[in-house]
Amino acid sequence: MMRVGVLEVRLELPGVHSLKEKRGIVKGLIERIRHRFEVAAAEVDQLDRWDGAGLGFAAVGNEVAVVQSRLQKVASYIETDCEGIMVDYRVEIIA
């Protein structure tokens, strides 16, 4: 049976002073995560704010534990290797 998991992350980006600078940071982070964890990723919220970002990630697998573990690893990676501050995150298993 297919399992789908979603991770929503809200970031604060202190020290960022333009949308161009923000998009460079977010784009690089999303690309690193896509390749490292094999998840779908996009900026999904706070698109017009230069000092924050809402990111969404999705993973598919055949076991809930595997999908949840992958998304937790993404959240941990963001917490330790991101130029921003992770303010909040939520993991949800859909199917």
PDB file of N, CA and C in Angstrom:
ATOM      1  N   MET A   1       0.832  -1.179   0.000  1.00  0.00           N
ATOM      2  CA  MET A   1       0.000   0.000   0.000  1.00  0.00           C
ATOM      3  C   MET A   1       0.883   1.252   0.000  1.00  0.00           C
ATOM      4  N   MET A   2       0.514   2.236  -0.793  1.00  0.00           N
ATOM      5  CA  MET A   2       1.293   3.477  -0.896  1.00  0.00           C
ATOM      6  C   MET A   2       0.984   4.397   0.279  1.00  0.00           C
ATOM      7  N   ARG A   3       2.048   4.981   0.841  1.00  0.00           N
ATOM      8  CA  ARG A   3       1.937   5.960   1.926  1.00  0.00           C
ATOM      9  C   ARG A   3       2.514   7.278   1.438  1.00  0.00           C
ATOM     10  N   VAL A   4       1.817   8.366   1.741  1.00  0.00           N
ATOM     11  CA  VAL A   4       2.253   9.702   1.338  1.00  0.00           C
ATOM     12  C   VAL A   4       2.387  10.553   2.590  1.00  0.00           C
ATOM     13  N   GLY A   5       3.518  11.225   2.715  1.00  0.00           N
ATOM     14  CA  GLY A   5       3.744  12.105   3.844  1.00  0.00           C
ATOM     15  C   GLY A   5       4.055  13.508   3.386  1.00  0.00           C
ATOM     16  N   VAL A   6       3.632  14.471   4.190  1.00  0.00           N
ATOM     17  CA  VAL A   6       3.841  15.882   3.880  1.00  0.00           C
ATOM     18  C   VAL A   6       4.517  16.552   5.068  1.00  0.00           C
ATOM     19  N   LEU A   7       5.493  17.377   4.780  1.00  0.00           N
ATOM     20  CA  LEU A   7       6.182  18.178   5.787  1.00  0.00           C
ATOM     21  C   LEU A   7       6.007  19.645   5.417  1.00  0.00           C
ATOM     22  N   GLU A   8       5.486  20.429   6.347  1.00  0.00           N
ATOM     23  CA  GLU A   8       5.383  21.874   6.160  1.00  0.00           C
ATOM     24  C   GLU A   8       6.346  22.537   7.132  1.00  0.00           C
ATOM     25  N   VAL A   9       7.144  23.467   6.622  1.00  0.00           N
ATOM     26  CA  VAL A   9       8.157  24.139   7.428  1.00  0.00           C
ATOM     27  C   VAL A   9       7.985  25.648   7.285  1.00  0.00           C
ATOM     28  N   ARG A  10       8.062  26.344   8.409  1.00  0.00           N
ATOM     29  CA  ARG A  10       8.044  27.808   8.376  1.00  0.00           C
ATOM     30  C   ARG A  10       9.405  28.309   8.850  1.00  0.00           C
ATOM     31  N   LEU A  11      10.032  29.120   8.021  1.00  0.00           N
ATOM     32  CA  LEU A  11      11.362  29.657   8.320  1.00  0.00           C
ATOM     33  C   LEU A  11      11.316  31.163   8.527  1.00  0.00           C
ATOM     34  N   GLU A  12      12.141  31.634   9.431  1.00  0.00           N
ATOM     35  CA  GLU A  12      12.437  33.058   9.539  1.00  0.00           C
ATOM     36  C   GLU A  12      13.840  33.234   8.976  1.00  0.00           C
ATOM     37  N   LEU A  13      14.048  34.309   8.237  1.00  0.00           N
ATOM     38  CA  LEU A  13      15.338  34.556   7.590  1.00  0.00           C
ATOM     39  C   LEU A  13      15.899  35.892   8.042  1.00  0.00           C
ATOM     40  N   PRO A  14      16.435  35.955   9.269  1.00  0.00           N
ATOM     41  CA  PRO A  14      16.988  37.217   9.760  1.00  0.00           C
ATOM     42  C   PRO A  14      18.219  37.608   8.940  1.00  0.00           C
ATOM     43  N   GLY A  15      18.358  38.867   8.702  1.00  0.00           N
ATOM     44  CA  GLY A  15      19.507  39.348   7.943  1.00  0.00           C
ATOM     45  C   GLY A  15      19.291  39.366   6.447  1.00  0.00           C
ATOM     46  N   VAL A  16      18.155  38.873   5.995  1.00  0.00           N
ATOM     47  CA  VAL A  16      17.833  38.905   4.567  1.00  0.00           C
ATOM     48  C   VAL A  16      17.046  40.184   4.301  1.00  0.00           C
ATOM     49  N   HIS A  17      17.445  40.928   3.273  1.00  0.00           N
ATOM     50  CA  HIS A  17      16.851  42.246   3.051  1.00  0.00           C
ATOM     51  C   HIS A  17      16.218  42.431   1.688  1.00  0.00           C
ATOM     52  N   SER A  18      16.055  41.336   0.935  1.00  0.00           N
ATOM     53  CA  SER A  18      15.394  41.461  -0.368  1.00  0.00           C
ATOM     54  C   SER A  18      14.824  40.106  -0.783  1.00  0.00           C
ATOM     55  N   LEU A  19      13.828  40.177  -1.659  1.00  0.00           N
ATOM     56  CA  LEU A  19      13.261  38.934  -2.186  1.00  0.00           C
ATOM     57  C   LEU A  19      14.290  38.157  -3.003  1.00  0.00           C
ATOM     58  N   LYS A  20      15.160  38.877  -3.703  1.00  0.00           N
ATOM     59  CA  LYS A  20      16.195  38.218  -4.508  1.00  0.00           C
ATOM     60  C   LYS A  20      17.134  37.410  -3.611  1.00  0.00           C
ATOM     61  N   GLU A  21      17.549  37.989  -2.519  1.00  0.00           N
ATOM     62  CA  GLU A  21      18.438  37.303  -1.578  1.00  0.00           C
ATOM     63  C   GLU A  21      17.720  36.089  -0.962  1.00  0.00           C
ATOM     64  N   LYS A  22      16.451  36.287  -0.574  1.00  0.00           N
ATOM     65  CA  LYS A  22      15.658  35.194   0.000  1.00  0.00           C
ATOM     66  C   LYS A  22      15.526  34.046  -0.982  1.00  0.00           C
ATOM     67  N   ARG A  23      15.173  34.360  -2.212  1.00  0.00           N
ATOM     68  CA  ARG A  23      14.957  33.302  -3.209  1.00  0.00           C
ATOM     69  C   ARG A  23      16.229  32.519  -3.491  1.00  0.00           C
ATOM     70  N   GLY A  24      17.375  33.179  -3.443  1.00  0.00           N
ATOM     71  CA  GLY A  24      18.643  32.465  -3.608  1.00  0.00           C
ATOM     72  C   GLY A  24      18.872  31.458  -2.493  1.00  0.00           C
ATOM     73  N   ILE A  25      18.581  31.858  -1.256  1.00  0.00           N
ATOM     74  CA  ILE A  25      18.741  30.966  -0.107  1.00  0.00           C
ATOM     75  C   ILE A  25      17.761  29.800  -0.196  1.00  0.00           C
ATOM     76  N   VAL A  26      16.494  30.114  -0.454  1.00  0.00           N
ATOM     77  CA  VAL A  26      15.451  29.088  -0.490  1.00  0.00           C
ATOM     78  C   VAL A  26      15.680  28.119  -1.642  1.00  0.00           C
ATOM     79  N   LYS A  27      16.020  28.641  -2.807  1.00  0.00           N
ATOM     80  CA  LYS A  27      16.250  27.783  -3.969  1.00  0.00           C
ATOM     81  C   LYS A  27      17.395  26.796  -3.708  1.00  0.00           C
ATOM     82  N   GLY A  28      18.490  27.282  -3.139  1.00  0.00           N
ATOM     83  CA  GLY A  28      19.618  26.404  -2.827  1.00  0.00           C
ATOM     84  C   GLY A  28      19.256  25.338  -1.811  1.00  0.00           C
ATOM     85  N   LEU A  29      18.516  25.726  -0.765  1.00  0.00           N
ATOM     86  CA  LEU A  29      18.099  24.774   0.261  1.00  0.00           C
ATOM     87  C   LEU A  29      17.193  23.696  -0.328  1.00  0.00           C
ATOM     88  N   ILE A  30      16.219  24.108  -1.131  1.00  0.00           N
ATOM     89  CA  ILE A  30      15.296  23.151  -1.742  1.00  0.00           C
ATOM     90  C   ILE A  30      16.041  22.171  -2.644  1.00  0.00           C
ATOM     91  N   GLU A  31      16.964  22.652  -3.442  1.00  0.00           N
ATOM     92  CA  GLU A  31      17.714  21.763  -4.338  1.00  0.00           C
ATOM     93  C   GLU A  31      18.552  20.752  -3.557  1.00  0.00           C
ATOM     94  N   ARG A  32      19.226  21.206  -2.500  1.00  0.00           N
ATOM     95  CA  ARG A  32      20.028  20.285  -1.682  1.00  0.00           C
ATOM     96  C   ARG A  32      19.149  19.203  -1.066  1.00  0.00           C
ATOM     97  N   ILE A  33      17.995  19.599  -0.553  1.00  0.00           N
ATOM     98  CA  ILE A  33      17.104  18.641   0.089  1.00  0.00           C
ATOM     99  C   ILE A  33      16.526  17.664  -0.927  1.00  0.00           C
ATOM    100  N   ARG A  34      16.119  18.157  -2.096  1.00  0.00           N
ATOM    101  CA  ARG A  34      15.576  17.266  -3.135  1.00  0.00           C
ATOM    102  C   ARG A  34      16.548  16.149  -3.472  1.00  0.00           C
ATOM    103  N   HIS A  35      17.800  16.517  -3.671  1.00  0.00           N
ATOM    104  CA  HIS A  35      18.794  15.527  -4.088  1.00  0.00           C
ATOM    105  C   HIS A  35      19.231  14.622  -2.939  1.00  0.00           C
ATOM    106  N   ARG A  36      19.349  15.179  -1.762  1.00  0.00           N
ATOM    107  CA  ARG A  36      19.844  14.398  -0.633  1.00  0.00           C
ATOM    108  C   ARG A  36      18.805  13.410  -0.092  1.00  0.00           C
ATOM    109  N   PHE A  37      17.535  13.817  -0.057  1.00  0.00           N
ATOM    110  CA  PHE A  37      16.505  13.005   0.583  1.00  0.00           C
ATOM    111  C   PHE A  37      15.470  12.437  -0.391  1.00  0.00           C
ATOM    112  N   GLU A  38      15.582  12.756  -1.673  1.00  0.00           N
ATOM    113  CA  GLU A  38      14.669  12.264  -2.699  1.00  0.00           C
ATOM    114  C   GLU A  38      13.206  12.536  -2.335  1.00  0.00           C
ATOM    115  N   VAL A  39      12.910  13.804  -2.095  1.00  0.00           N
ATOM    116  CA  VAL A  39      11.554  14.250  -1.805  1.00  0.00           C
ATOM    117  C   VAL A  39      11.174  15.340  -2.800  1.00  0.00           C
ATOM    118  N   ALA A  40       9.884  15.551  -2.972  1.00  0.00           N
ATOM    119  CA  ALA A  40       9.404  16.695  -3.739  1.00  0.00           C
ATOM    120  C   ALA A  40       9.435  17.904  -2.808  1.00  0.00           C
ATOM    121  N   ALA A  41       9.743  19.077  -3.350  1.00  0.00           N
ATOM    122  CA  ALA A  41       9.887  20.260  -2.504  1.00  0.00           C
ATOM    123  C   ALA A  41       9.516  21.522  -3.268  1.00  0.00           C
ATOM    124  N   ALA A  42       8.935  22.490  -2.536  1.00  0.00           N
ATOM    125  CA  ALA A  42       8.583  23.771  -3.143  1.00  0.00           C
ATOM    126  C   ALA A  42       8.401  24.820  -2.058  1.00  0.00           C
ATOM    127  N   GLU A  43       8.590  26.075  -2.435  1.00  0.00           N
ATOM    128  CA  GLU A  43       8.213  27.184  -1.566  1.00  0.00           C
ATOM    129  C   GLU A  43       6.712  27.369  -1.756  1.00  0.00           C
ATOM    130  N   VAL A  44       5.944  27.285  -0.670  1.00  0.00           N
ATOM    131  CA  VAL A  44       4.488  27.256  -0.798  1.00  0.00           C
ATOM    132  C   VAL A  44       3.768  28.372  -0.043  1.00  0.00           C
ATOM    133  N   ASP A  45       4.464  29.135   0.765  1.00  0.00           N
ATOM    134  CA  ASP A  45       3.814  30.165   1.570  1.00  0.00           C
ATOM    135  C   ASP A  45       4.795  31.306   1.813  1.00  0.00           C
ATOM    136  N   GLN A  46       4.263  32.462   2.147  1.00  0.00           N
ATOM    137  CA  GLN A  46       5.055  33.655   2.438  1.00  0.00           C
ATOM    138  C   GLN A  46       5.926  34.057   1.246  1.00  0.00           C
ATOM    139  N   LEU A  47       5.381  33.915   0.058  1.00  0.00           N
ATOM    140  CA  LEU A  47       6.148  34.165  -1.165  1.00  0.00           C
ATOM    141  C   LEU A  47       6.591  35.622  -1.311  1.00  0.00           C
ATOM    142  N   ASP A  48       5.826  36.553  -0.788  1.00  0.00           N
ATOM    143  CA  ASP A  48       6.158  37.966  -0.928  1.00  0.00           C
ATOM    144  C   ASP A  48       6.889  38.549   0.275  1.00  0.00           C
ATOM    145  N   ARG A  49       7.147  37.742   1.274  1.00  0.00           N
ATOM    146  CA  ARG A  49       7.919  38.203   2.443  1.00  0.00           C
ATOM    147  C   ARG A  49       9.390  37.918   2.208  1.00  0.00           C
ATOM    148  N   TRP A  50      10.229  38.884   2.439  1.00  0.00           N
ATOM    149  CA  TRP A  50      11.671  38.669   2.248  1.00  0.00           C
ATOM    150  C   TRP A  50      12.327  38.100   3.492  1.00  0.00           C
ATOM    151  N   ASP A  51      11.673  38.165   4.648  1.00  0.00           N
ATOM    152  CA  ASP A  51      12.295  37.706   5.890  1.00  0.00           C
ATOM    153  C   ASP A  51      11.703  36.397   6.416  1.00  0.00           C
ATOM    154  N   GLY A  52      10.961  35.681   5.551  1.00  0.00           N
ATOM    155  CA  GLY A  52      10.386  34.408   5.967  1.00  0.00           C
ATOM    156  C   GLY A  52      10.036  33.563   4.760  1.00  0.00           C
ATOM    157  N   ALA A  53       9.831  32.277   5.001  1.00  0.00           N
ATOM    158  CA  ALA A  53       9.470  31.367   3.911  1.00  0.00           C
ATOM    159  C   ALA A  53       8.660  30.210   4.460  1.00  0.00           C
ATOM    160  N   GLY A  54       7.722  29.752   3.657  1.00  0.00           N
ATOM    161  CA  GLY A  54       6.962  28.543   3.969  1.00  0.00           C
ATOM    162  C   GLY A  54       7.317  27.491   2.926  1.00  0.00           C
ATOM    163  N   LEU A  55       7.851  26.371   3.367  1.00  0.00           N
ATOM    164  CA  LEU A  55       8.297  25.324   2.457  1.00  0.00           C
ATOM    165  C   LEU A  55       7.447  24.074   2.644  1.00  0.00           C
ATOM    166  N   GLY A  56       7.237  23.356   1.552  1.00  0.00           N
ATOM    167  CA  GLY A  56       6.497  22.106   1.605  1.00  0.00           C
ATOM    168  C   GLY A  56       7.304  20.985   0.987  1.00  0.00           C
ATOM    169  N   PHE A  57       7.241  19.813   1.608  1.00  0.00           N
ATOM    170  CA  PHE A  57       7.964  18.637   1.140  1.00  0.00           C
ATOM    171  C   PHE A  57       7.012  17.449   1.141  1.00  0.00           C
ATOM    172  N   ALA A  58       7.178  16.550   0.187  1.00  0.00           N
ATOM    173  CA  ALA A  58       6.350  15.352   0.125  1.00  0.00           C
ATOM    174  C   ALA A  58       7.230  14.144  -0.149  1.00  0.00           C
ATOM    175  N   ALA A  59       6.878  13.032   0.501  1.00  0.00           N
ATOM    176  CA  ALA A  59       7.607  11.775   0.317  1.00  0.00           C
ATOM    177  C   ALA A  59       6.589  10.649   0.154  1.00  0.00           C
ATOM    178  N   VAL A  60       6.964   9.665  -0.649  1.00  0.00           N
ATOM    179  CA  VAL A  60       6.110   8.519  -0.909  1.00  0.00           C
ATOM    180  C   VAL A  60       6.891   7.251  -0.580  1.00  0.00           C
ATOM    181  N   GLY A  61       6.210   6.288   0.029  1.00  0.00           N
ATOM    182  CA  GLY A  61       6.836   5.012   0.341  1.00  0.00           C
ATOM    183  C   GLY A  61       5.774   3.966   0.614  1.00  0.00           C
ATOM    184  N   ASN A  62       6.219   2.777   0.977  1.00  0.00           N
ATOM    185  CA  ASN A  62       5.246   1.715   1.232  1.00  0.00           C
ATOM    186  C   ASN A  62       4.981   1.482   2.715  1.00  0.00           C
ATOM    187  N   GLU A  63       5.717   2.184   3.591  1.00  0.00           N
ATOM    188  CA  GLU A  63       5.512   2.053   5.032  1.00  0.00           C
ATOM    189  C   GLU A  63       5.485   3.430   5.678  1.00  0.00           C
ATOM    190  N   VAL A  64       4.577   3.618   6.606  1.00  0.00           N
ATOM    191  CA  VAL A  64       4.438   4.893   7.311  1.00  0.00           C
ATOM    192  C   VAL A  64       5.751   5.270   7.999  1.00  0.00           C
ATOM    193  N   ALA A  65       6.388   4.322   8.656  1.00  0.00           N
ATOM    194  CA  ALA A  65       7.619   4.596   9.406  1.00  0.00           C
ATOM    195  C   ALA A  65       8.734   5.114   8.496  1.00  0.00           C
ATOM    196  N   VAL A  66       8.832   4.568   7.301  1.00  0.00           N
ATOM    197  CA  VAL A  66       9.869   4.988   6.353  1.00  0.00           C
ATOM    198  C   VAL A  66       9.617   6.420   5.885  1.00  0.00           C
ATOM    199  N   VAL A  67       8.377   6.708   5.532  1.00  0.00           N
ATOM    200  CA  VAL A  67       8.017   8.050   5.061  1.00  0.00           C
ATOM    201  C   VAL A  67       8.216   9.070   6.177  1.00  0.00           C
ATOM    202  N   GLN A  68       7.734   8.745   7.363  1.00  0.00           N
ATOM    203  CA  GLN A  68       7.869   9.665   8.497  1.00  0.00           C
ATOM    204  C   GLN A  68       9.334   9.898   8.847  1.00  0.00           C
ATOM    205  N   SER A  69      10.138   8.859   8.815  1.00  0.00           N
ATOM    206  CA  SER A  69      11.564   8.985   9.106  1.00  0.00           C
ATOM    207  C   SER A  69      12.260   9.896   8.095  1.00  0.00           C
ATOM    208  N   ARG A  70      11.932   9.742   6.823  1.00  0.00           N
ATOM    209  CA  ARG A  70      12.547  10.573   5.791  1.00  0.00           C
ATOM    210  C   ARG A  70      12.206  12.046   6.011  1.00  0.00           C
ATOM    211  N   LEU A  71      10.946  12.327   6.323  1.00  0.00           N
ATOM    212  CA  LEU A  71      10.536  13.718   6.532  1.00  0.00           C
ATOM    213  C   LEU A  71      11.140  14.290   7.814  1.00  0.00           C
ATOM    214  N   GLN A  72      11.293  13.475   8.853  1.00  0.00           N
ATOM    215  CA  GLN A  72      11.965  13.933  10.077  1.00  0.00           C
ATOM    216  C   GLN A  72      13.426  14.273   9.799  1.00  0.00           C
ATOM    217  N   LYS A  73      14.066  13.490   8.936  1.00  0.00           N
ATOM    218  CA  LYS A  73      15.453  13.776   8.557  1.00  0.00           C
ATOM    219  C   LYS A  73      15.548  15.087   7.801  1.00  0.00           C
ATOM    220  N   VAL A  74      14.560  15.374   6.953  1.00  0.00           N
ATOM    221  CA  VAL A  74      14.530  16.661   6.249  1.00  0.00           C
ATOM    222  C   VAL A  74      14.420  17.800   7.263  1.00  0.00           C
ATOM    223  N   ALA A  75      13.511  17.665   8.231  1.00  0.00           N
ATOM    224  CA  ALA A  75      13.335  18.699   9.252  1.00  0.00           C
ATOM    225  C   ALA A  75      14.617  18.898  10.061  1.00  0.00           C
ATOM    226  N   SER A  76      15.274  17.817  10.431  1.00  0.00           N
ATOM    227  CA  SER A  76      16.537  17.915  11.184  1.00  0.00           C
ATOM    228  C   SER A  76      17.616  18.591  10.361  1.00  0.00           C
ATOM    229  N   TYR A  77      17.682  18.274   9.078  1.00  0.00           N
ATOM    230  CA  TYR A  77      18.662  18.893   8.186  1.00  0.00           C
ATOM    231  C   TYR A  77      18.426  20.394   8.107  1.00  0.00           C
ATOM    232  N   ILE A  78      17.181  20.806   7.958  1.00  0.00           N
ATOM    233  CA  ILE A  78      16.864  22.238   7.886  1.00  0.00           C
ATOM    234  C   ILE A  78      17.262  22.923   9.184  1.00  0.00           C
ATOM    235  N   GLU A  79      16.987  22.277  10.303  1.00  0.00           N
ATOM    236  CA  GLU A  79      17.295  22.860  11.607  1.00  0.00           C
ATOM    237  C   GLU A  79      18.795  23.081  11.803  1.00  0.00           C
ATOM    238  N   THR A  80      19.619  22.189  11.255  1.00  0.00           N
ATOM    239  CA  THR A  80      21.061  22.284  11.489  1.00  0.00           C
ATOM    240  C   THR A  80      21.838  22.915  10.339  1.00  0.00           C
ATOM    241  N   ASP A  81      21.310  22.893   9.107  1.00  0.00           N
ATOM    242  CA  ASP A  81      22.105  23.308   7.949  1.00  0.00           C
ATOM    243  C   ASP A  81      21.452  24.420   7.128  1.00  0.00           C
ATOM    244  N   CYS A  82      20.611  25.202   7.759  1.00  0.00           N
ATOM    245  CA  CYS A  82      19.907  26.256   7.027  1.00  0.00           C
ATOM    246  C   CYS A  82      20.376  27.614   7.532  1.00  0.00           C
ATOM    247  N   GLU A  83      20.410  28.582   6.626  1.00  0.00           N
ATOM    248  CA  GLU A  83      20.789  29.941   7.009  1.00  0.00           C
ATOM    249  C   GLU A  83      19.695  30.628   7.813  1.00  0.00           C
ATOM    250  N   GLY A  84      18.497  30.060   7.801  1.00  0.00           N
ATOM    251  CA  GLY A  84      17.378  30.627   8.533  1.00  0.00           C
ATOM    252  C   GLY A  84      17.116  29.882   9.825  1.00  0.00           C
ATOM    253  N   ILE A  85      16.044  30.283  10.482  1.00  0.00           N
ATOM    254  CA  ILE A  85      15.628  29.669  11.739  1.00  0.00           C
ATOM    255  C   ILE A  85      14.294  28.976  11.497  1.00  0.00           C
ATOM    256  N   MET A  86      14.230  27.687  11.808  1.00  0.00           N
ATOM    257  CA  MET A  86      12.979  26.959  11.653  1.00  0.00           C
ATOM    258  C   MET A  86      12.082  27.317  12.835  1.00  0.00           C
ATOM    259  N   VAL A  87      11.009  28.032  12.551  1.00  0.00           N
ATOM    260  CA  VAL A  87      10.089  28.497  13.579  1.00  0.00           C
ATOM    261  C   VAL A  87       9.077  27.417  13.935  1.00  0.00           C
ATOM    262  N   ASP A  88       8.632  26.675  12.920  1.00  0.00           N
ATOM    263  CA  ASP A  88       7.603  25.676  13.135  1.00  0.00           C
ATOM    264  C   ASP A  88       7.669  24.652  12.018  1.00  0.00           C
ATOM    265  N   TYR A  89       7.222  23.421  12.322  1.00  0.00           N
ATOM    266  CA  TYR A  89       7.091  22.411  11.271  1.00  0.00           C
ATOM    267  C   TYR A  89       6.001  21.429  11.667  1.00  0.00           C
ATOM    268  N   ARG A  90       5.472  20.765  10.654  1.00  0.00           N
ATOM    269  CA  ARG A  90       4.399  19.792  10.870  1.00  0.00           C
ATOM    270  C   ARG A  90       4.550  18.670   9.863  1.00  0.00           C
ATOM    271  N   VAL A  91       4.493  17.437  10.358  1.00  0.00           N
ATOM    272  CA  VAL A  91       4.520  16.250   9.509  1.00  0.00           C
ATOM    273  C   VAL A  91       3.136  15.616   9.548  1.00  0.00           C
ATOM    274  N   GLU A  92       2.629  15.278   8.366  1.00  0.00           N
ATOM    275  CA  GLU A  92       1.331  14.625   8.281  1.00  0.00           C
ATOM    276  C   GLU A  92       1.422  13.459   7.286  1.00  0.00           C
ATOM    277  N   ILE A  93       0.913  12.321   7.689  1.00  0.00           N
ATOM    278  CA  ILE A  93       0.828  11.177   6.796  1.00  0.00           C
ATOM    279  C   ILE A  93      -0.596  11.175   6.234  1.00  0.00           C
ATOM    280  N   ILE A  94      -0.694  11.252   4.910  1.00  0.00           N
ATOM    281  CA  ILE A  94      -1.996  11.412   4.265  1.00  0.00           C
ATOM    282  C   ILE A  94      -2.644  10.070   3.947  1.00  0.00           C
ATOM    283  N   ALA A  95      -1.897   9.164   3.392  1.00  0.00           N
ATOM    284  CA  ALA A  95      -2.510   7.889   2.979  1.00  0.00           C
ATOM    285  C   ALA A  95      -1.693   6.717   3.492  1.00  0.00           C
TER     286      ALA A  95
END
